[in-house]
């Protein structure tokens, strides 16, 4: 098959210029390497090998993130499992029919509990509140 046949590639003028440039650049670099002292060349070669070895030991920037999709998938699965897993409802607050939300607010307020603690009034307020609740219940006749 001849280089000038129907399936042959012809070099474009820019490829020919690039090829000439590469040949000249290679010749200049090889000549400059030959001008370098042997001791300096040896030290450069040792430094190059040390750099290659260090790069091989240390994971690249992109290798650190190579497990990121798998880790994200595991985290998402754990989150979905935690949200959808049935939880025990033993600690839920149940409001009985006779109680109001205001009662719960009073119990939840730490300052209000301090005001009615036994250290403050000896429990007199609590006794009064129980008496009032008992007298307000239907069917007591009060």
Protein backbone atom coordinates (compact mmCIF):
# COMPACT_ATOMS: atom_id res chain seq x y z
CA UNK A 1 0.00 0.00 0.00
CA UNK A 2 1.53 3.28 -1.02
CA UNK A 3 1.54 6.32 1.23
CA UNK A 4 -0.22 8.25 -1.51
CA UNK A 5 -3.08 5.71 -1.95
CA UNK A 6 -6.78 6.36 -1.39
CA UNK A 7 -6.73 5.61 2.38
CA UNK A 8 -3.44 7.37 3.17
CA UNK A 9 -3.25 10.31 5.54
CA UNK A 10 -1.53 13.36 4.27
CA UNK A 11 0.16 15.68 6.74
CA UNK A 12 -1.32 19.09 7.05
CA UNK A 13 1.12 21.99 6.88
CA UNK A 14 0.63 22.75 10.60
CA UNK A 15 1.49 19.14 11.53
CA UNK A 16 4.68 19.35 9.45
CA UNK A 17 5.66 22.60 11.18
CA UNK A 18 4.87 21.11 14.59
CA UNK A 19 6.96 18.03 13.75
CA UNK A 20 9.93 20.19 12.75
CA UNK A 21 9.55 22.27 15.91
CA UNK A 22 9.50 19.14 18.09
CA UNK A 23 12.64 17.79 16.39
CA UNK A 24 14.51 21.06 16.88
CA UNK A 25 13.32 21.39 20.51
CA UNK A 26 14.40 17.82 21.25
CA UNK A 27 17.84 18.43 19.72
CA UNK A 28 18.32 21.61 21.75
CA UNK A 29 17.25 19.88 24.99
CA UNK A 30 19.51 16.88 24.40
CA UNK A 31 22.42 19.21 23.68
CA UNK A 32 21.76 21.15 26.91
CA UNK A 33 21.62 17.88 28.89
CA UNK A 34 25.03 16.90 27.50
CA UNK A 35 26.47 20.25 28.62
CA UNK A 36 25.35 19.69 32.25
CA UNK A 37 28.01 18.38 34.61
CA UNK A 38 27.72 14.64 35.48
CA UNK A 39 27.45 15.34 39.20
CA UNK A 40 24.57 17.81 38.68
CA UNK A 41 22.86 15.37 36.31
CA UNK A 42 23.14 12.64 38.98
CA UNK A 43 21.59 14.89 41.65
CA UNK A 44 18.77 15.88 39.31
CA UNK A 45 18.11 12.23 38.53
CA UNK A 46 18.03 11.38 42.27
CA UNK A 47 15.63 14.26 42.93
CA UNK A 48 13.39 13.11 40.08
CA UNK A 49 13.28 9.54 41.44
CA UNK A 50 12.57 10.81 44.98
CA UNK A 51 9.70 12.95 43.67
CA UNK A 52 8.23 10.04 41.72
CA UNK A 53 8.45 7.80 44.80
CA UNK A 54 6.82 10.43 47.04
CA UNK A 55 4.02 10.93 44.53
CA UNK A 56 3.39 7.20 44.39
CA UNK A 57 3.16 6.94 48.20
CA UNK A 58 0.84 9.89 48.72
CA UNK A 59 -2.68 9.50 47.30
CA UNK A 60 -3.56 12.12 44.73
CA UNK A 61 -6.17 14.78 45.31
CA UNK A 62 -8.71 12.93 43.17
CA UNK A 63 -8.09 9.56 44.81
CA UNK A 64 -9.15 10.96 48.17
CA UNK A 65 -12.61 11.66 46.77
CA UNK A 66 -12.97 8.40 44.87
CA UNK A 67 -14.96 6.82 47.71
CA UNK A 68 -17.15 9.89 48.18
CA UNK A 69 -20.12 8.57 46.12
CA UNK A 70 -20.14 5.29 48.05
CA UNK A 71 -19.89 7.07 51.40
CA UNK A 72 -22.69 9.43 50.39
CA UNK A 73 -24.91 6.51 49.41
CA UNK A 74 -24.30 4.80 52.77
CA UNK A 75 -25.02 8.03 54.66
CA UNK A 76 -28.25 8.55 52.71
CA UNK A 77 -29.35 4.95 53.37
CA UNK A 78 -28.69 5.36 57.10
CA UNK A 79 -30.65 8.62 57.17
CA UNK A 80 -33.62 7.05 55.39
CA UNK A 81 -33.50 4.01 57.70
CA UNK A 82 -33.43 6.23 60.78
CA UNK A 83 -36.32 8.38 59.61
CA UNK A 84 -38.51 5.49 58.46
CA UNK A 85 -37.68 3.02 61.26
CA UNK A 86 -40.61 2.71 63.69
CA UNK A 87 -39.74 4.41 66.96
CA UNK A 88 -41.05 3.51 70.38
CA UNK A 89 -43.70 5.95 71.62
CA UNK A 90 -43.38 5.21 75.33
CA UNK A 91 -42.17 8.68 76.23
CA UNK A 92 -44.94 10.60 74.43
CA UNK A 93 -47.08 12.99 76.43
CA UNK A 94 -50.77 12.13 76.41
CA UNK A 95 -53.21 14.90 77.26
CA UNK A 96 -56.16 13.52 79.16
CA UNK A 97 -59.61 14.99 78.47
CA UNK A 98 -59.77 17.15 81.62
CA UNK A 99 -56.40 18.88 81.14
CA UNK A 100 -55.58 21.89 79.03
CA UNK A 101 -52.54 23.01 77.13
CA UNK A 102 -52.03 25.79 79.67
CA UNK A 103 -51.39 23.15 82.32
CA UNK A 104 -48.66 21.65 80.17
CA UNK A 105 -47.16 25.09 79.57
CA UNK A 106 -47.04 25.66 83.31
CA UNK A 107 -45.28 22.34 83.87
CA UNK A 108 -42.82 23.01 81.05
CA UNK A 109 -41.90 26.46 82.34
CA UNK A 110 -38.91 26.12 84.70
CA UNK A 111 -39.46 29.55 86.31
CA UNK A 112 -43.06 28.73 87.16
CA UNK A 113 -41.95 25.52 88.86
CA UNK A 114 -39.44 27.49 90.91
CA UNK A 115 -42.21 29.81 92.12
CA UNK A 116 -44.37 26.95 93.38
CA UNK A 117 -41.62 24.77 94.79
CA UNK A 118 -41.77 23.67 98.41
CA UNK A 119 -38.69 25.75 99.21
CA UNK A 120 -40.55 28.94 98.31
CA UNK A 121 -43.96 28.56 99.96
CA UNK A 122 -43.83 25.25 101.80
CA UNK A 123 -46.22 23.61 99.32
CA UNK A 124 -49.20 25.80 100.23
CA UNK A 125 -49.84 26.76 96.63
CA UNK A 126 -49.84 23.15 95.51
CA UNK A 127 -52.36 22.25 98.21
CA UNK A 128 -54.57 25.16 97.17
CA UNK A 129 -54.33 24.14 93.47
CA UNK A 130 -55.36 20.57 94.29
CA UNK A 131 -58.33 21.81 96.35
CA UNK A 132 -59.41 24.09 93.52
CA UNK A 133 -59.17 21.26 90.99
CA UNK A 134 -61.19 18.96 93.24
CA UNK A 135 -63.89 21.59 93.83
CA UNK A 136 -64.21 22.33 90.08
CA UNK A 137 -64.78 18.71 89.10
CA UNK A 138 -68.34 17.94 87.98
CA UNK A 139 -70.45 16.01 90.40
CA UNK A 140 -68.78 17.30 93.59
CA UNK A 141 -71.68 19.61 94.50
CA UNK A 142 -69.49 22.56 95.40
